[in-house]
C-alpha atoms as a PDB file:
ATOM      1  CA  GLN A   1      -0.801  20.651   0.094  1.00  0.00           C
ATOM      2  CA  VAL A   2      -0.039  17.055   0.550  1.00  0.00           C
ATOM      3  CA  GLN A   3      -0.794  14.795  -2.310  1.00  0.00           C
ATOM      4  CA  LEU A   4      -0.320  10.722  -2.246  1.00  0.00           C
ATOM      5  CA  VAL A   5      -0.206   9.697  -5.563  1.00  0.00           C
ATOM      6  CA  GLU A   6      -0.504   5.260  -6.388  1.00  0.00           C
ATOM      7  CA  SER A   7       0.200   4.139  -9.600  1.00  0.00           C
ATOM      8  CA  GLY A   8       0.663   0.238 -10.869  1.00  0.00           C
ATOM      9  CA  GLY A   9      -3.086  -1.343 -10.329  1.00  0.00           C
ATOM     10  CA  GLY A  10      -4.737  -3.356 -12.781  1.00  0.00           C
ATOM     11  CA  LEU A  11      -6.028  -6.996 -13.859  1.00  0.00           C
ATOM     12  CA  LYS A  12      -4.057  -9.911 -13.461  1.00  0.00           C
ATOM     13  CA  GLN A  13      -4.495 -13.711 -13.584  1.00  0.00           C
ATOM     14  CA  PRO A  14      -4.507 -15.508 -10.126  1.00  0.00           C
ATOM     15  CA  GLY A  15      -0.705 -16.375  -9.285  1.00  0.00           C
ATOM     16  CA  GLU A  16       0.359 -13.486 -11.155  1.00  0.00           C
ATOM     17  CA  SER A  17       2.404 -10.509  -9.561  1.00  0.00           C
ATOM     18  CA  LEU A  18       1.631  -6.914  -9.254  1.00  0.00           C
ATOM     19  CA  ARG A  19       3.378  -3.748  -8.142  1.00  0.00           C
ATOM     20  CA  LEU A  20       1.990  -0.602  -6.164  1.00  0.00           C
ATOM     21  CA  SER A  21       3.953   2.461  -5.979  1.00  0.00           C
ATOM     22  CA  CYS A  22       2.713   5.752  -4.118  1.00  0.00           C
ATOM     23  CA  VAL A  23       4.528   9.007  -4.012  1.00  0.00           C
ATOM     24  CA  ALA A  24       3.879  11.513  -1.402  1.00  0.00           C
ATOM     25  CA  SER A  25       4.275  15.050  -2.054  1.00  0.00           C
ATOM     26  CA  GLY A  26       3.966  18.239   0.092  1.00  0.00           C
ATOM     27  CA  LEU A  27       4.669  16.487   3.426  1.00  0.00           C
ATOM     28  CA  THR A  28       6.690  19.147   5.759  1.00  0.00           C
ATOM     29  CA  GLY A  29       6.475  16.984   8.703  1.00  0.00           C
ATOM     30  CA  ASP A  30       8.795  13.851   9.427  1.00  0.00           C
ATOM     31  CA  ILE A  31       7.240  10.217   8.549  1.00  0.00           C
ATOM     32  CA  TYR A  32       6.079   8.021  11.464  1.00  0.00           C
ATOM     33  CA  SER A  33       5.047   4.766   9.176  1.00  0.00           C
ATOM     34  CA  MET A  34       4.217   4.272   5.641  1.00  0.00           C
ATOM     35  CA  SER A  35       1.367   1.746   4.544  1.00  0.00           C
ATOM     36  CA  TRP A  36      -1.037  -0.230   2.392  1.00  0.00           C
ATOM     37  CA  TYR A  37      -4.516  -0.574   3.303  1.00  0.00           C
ATOM     38  CA  ARG A  38      -7.499  -2.038   0.747  1.00  0.00           C
ATOM     39  CA  GLN A  39     -11.175  -1.900   0.575  1.00  0.00           C
ATOM     40  CA  ALA A  40     -13.196  -4.891  -1.222  1.00  0.00           C
ATOM     41  CA  PRO A  41     -16.351  -4.204  -2.126  1.00  0.00           C
ATOM     42  CA  GLY A  42     -18.542  -4.495   1.066  1.00  0.00           C
ATOM     43  CA  LYS A  43     -15.660  -4.370   3.318  1.00  0.00           C
ATOM     44  CA  GLU A  44     -14.243  -2.433   5.519  1.00  0.00           C
ATOM     45  CA  ARG A  45     -10.816  -1.143   4.686  1.00  0.00           C
ATOM     46  CA  GLU A  46      -8.001  -3.481   6.264  1.00  0.00           C
ATOM     47  CA  LEU A  47      -4.268  -2.814   6.775  1.00  0.00           C
ATOM     48  CA  VAL A  48      -2.311  -5.238   4.139  1.00  0.00           C
ATOM     49  CA  ALA A  49       1.033  -3.800   5.051  1.00  0.00           C
ATOM     50  CA  ARG A  50       2.999  -1.078   6.956  1.00  0.00           C
ATOM     51  CA  ILE A  51       6.327  -0.078   7.630  1.00  0.00           C
ATOM     52  CA  MET A  52       8.108   2.170  10.280  1.00  0.00           C
ATOM     53  CA  SER A  53      10.542   5.036   9.404  1.00  0.00           C
ATOM     54  CA  ILE A  54      12.699   4.505  12.113  1.00  0.00           C
ATOM     55  CA  GLY A  55      13.806   1.212  12.149  1.00  0.00           C
ATOM     56  CA  GLY A  56      11.945  -0.306   9.167  1.00  0.00           C
ATOM     57  CA  ARG A  57       9.959  -3.265  11.408  1.00  0.00           C
ATOM     58  CA  VAL A  58       7.010  -4.383   8.922  1.00  0.00           C
ATOM     59  CA  THR A  59       3.601  -5.656  10.088  1.00  0.00           C
ATOM     60  CA  TYR A  60       1.757  -7.652   7.354  1.00  0.00           C
ATOM     61  CA  ALA A  61      -1.806  -9.065   7.421  1.00  0.00           C
ATOM     62  CA  ASP A  62      -1.797 -12.596   7.702  1.00  0.00           C
ATOM     63  CA  SER A  63      -3.429 -13.422   4.725  1.00  0.00           C
ATOM     64  CA  VAL A  64      -0.832 -11.201   2.313  1.00  0.00           C
ATOM     65  CA  LYS A  65       2.317 -12.753   4.338  1.00  0.00           C
ATOM     66  CA  GLY A  66       4.918 -14.544   2.618  1.00  0.00           C
ATOM     67  CA  ARG A  67       3.316 -13.251  -0.760  1.00  0.00           C
ATOM     68  CA  PHE A  68       3.678  -9.078  -0.546  1.00  0.00           C
ATOM     69  CA  THR A  69       6.577  -6.880   0.515  1.00  0.00           C
ATOM     70  CA  ILE A  70       6.626  -3.270   1.133  1.00  0.00           C
ATOM     71  CA  SER A  71       9.146  -1.567   0.901  1.00  0.00           C
ATOM     72  CA  ARG A  72       9.534   2.125   1.587  1.00  0.00           C
ATOM     73  CA  ASP A  73      12.458   5.171   0.405  1.00  0.00           C
ATOM     74  CA  ILE A  74      12.085   7.808   3.134  1.00  0.00           C
ATOM     75  CA  ARG A  75      14.147  10.796   1.525  1.00  0.00           C
ATOM     76  CA  GLN A  76      12.465   9.819  -1.775  1.00  0.00           C
ATOM     77  CA  LYS A  77       8.552   9.815   0.570  1.00  0.00           C
ATOM     78  CA  THR A  78       7.794   6.550  -2.190  1.00  0.00           C
ATOM     79  CA  VAL A  79       6.313   3.157  -0.702  1.00  0.00           C
ATOM     80  CA  ASP A  80       5.924   0.282  -2.832  1.00  0.00           C
ATOM     81  CA  LEU A  81       4.454  -3.266  -2.319  1.00  0.00           C
ATOM     82  CA  GLN A  82       5.076  -5.829  -4.505  1.00  0.00           C
ATOM     83  CA  MET A  83       2.300  -8.736  -4.600  1.00  0.00           C
ATOM     84  CA  ASN A  84       3.536 -11.666  -5.734  1.00  0.00           C
ATOM     85  CA  SER A  85       0.950 -14.945  -6.050  1.00  0.00           C
ATOM     86  CA  LEU A  86      -1.969 -12.949  -6.326  1.00  0.00           C
ATOM     87  CA  LYS A  87      -5.605 -14.565  -5.382  1.00  0.00           C
ATOM     88  CA  PRO A  88      -8.974 -13.420  -6.434  1.00  0.00           C
ATOM     89  CA  GLU A  89      -9.585 -12.388  -2.823  1.00  0.00           C
ATOM     90  CA  ASP A  90      -6.950  -9.575  -3.088  1.00  0.00           C
ATOM     91  CA  THR A  91      -9.524  -8.172  -5.839  1.00  0.00           C
ATOM     92  CA  ALA A  92     -10.071  -4.640  -3.701  1.00  0.00           C
ATOM     93  CA  VAL A  93      -9.085  -0.716  -4.055  1.00  0.00           C
ATOM     94  CA  TYR A  94      -5.917  -0.393  -2.702  1.00  0.00           C
ATOM     95  CA  TYR A  95      -4.977   2.966  -0.670  1.00  0.00           C
ATOM     96  CA  CYS A  96      -1.472   4.155   0.079  1.00  0.00           C
ATOM     97  CA  ASN A  97      -1.384   6.157   3.905  1.00  0.00           C
ATOM     98  CA  VAL A  98       1.372   7.867   5.567  1.00  0.00           C
ATOM     99  CA  GLU A  99       1.137   8.707   9.262  1.00  0.00           C
ATOM    100  CA  THR A 100       3.603  11.583  10.274  1.00  0.00           C
ATOM    101  CA  TRP A 101       3.729  12.265  14.181  1.00  0.00           C
ATOM    102  CA  GLY A 102       0.460  15.041  13.479  1.00  0.00           C
ATOM    103  CA  PRO A 103      -2.310  14.316  10.088  1.00  0.00           C
ATOM    104  CA  GLN A 104      -2.225  11.057   8.338  1.00  0.00           C
ATOM    105  CA  TYR A 105      -2.523  11.066   4.547  1.00  0.00           C
ATOM    106  CA  TRP A 106      -4.653   8.719   2.265  1.00  0.00           C
ATOM    107  CA  GLY A 107      -4.154   8.484  -1.516  1.00  0.00           C
ATOM    108  CA  GLN A 108      -7.059   8.421  -3.808  1.00  0.00           C
ATOM    109  CA  GLY A 109      -6.845   4.843  -4.184  1.00  0.00           C
ATOM    110  CA  THR A 110      -6.066   2.018  -7.126  1.00  0.00           C
ATOM    111  CA  GLN A 111      -8.223  -0.667  -8.005  1.00  0.00           C
ATOM    112  CA  VAL A 112      -6.504  -3.951  -8.456  1.00  0.00           C
ATOM    113  CA  THR A 113      -8.540  -7.036  -9.804  1.00  0.00           C
ATOM    114  CA  VAL A 114      -7.104 -10.749 -10.034  1.00  0.00           C
ATOM    115  CA  SER A 115      -9.911 -12.983 -11.775  1.00  0.00           C
ATOM    116  CA  SER A 116      -9.379 -15.422 -14.274  1.00  0.00           C
END
């Protein structure tokens, strides 16, 4: 059974930093990409950052470029999201996503709240 477990969410003030981590277990196929998505109340889920397994090419949402950094360890099947200079609009539930060459998998989500 595949499980993605996120950790690191919490409450931060604007300008502070937070690091999210995701560990995947039970995967049997090769990983195509690892990503972080987020969903704010009343909004659709959106891609925050994606990193490809082959070549390590990364993609960021325009709203987080220069502030967030995604990293991964393919062997350990982990993906992290370093979030700096947090803004109130970063408040959302953050989800880890792993795409294989077959199915994709989602974590249960971790809440990030940025508020003064």
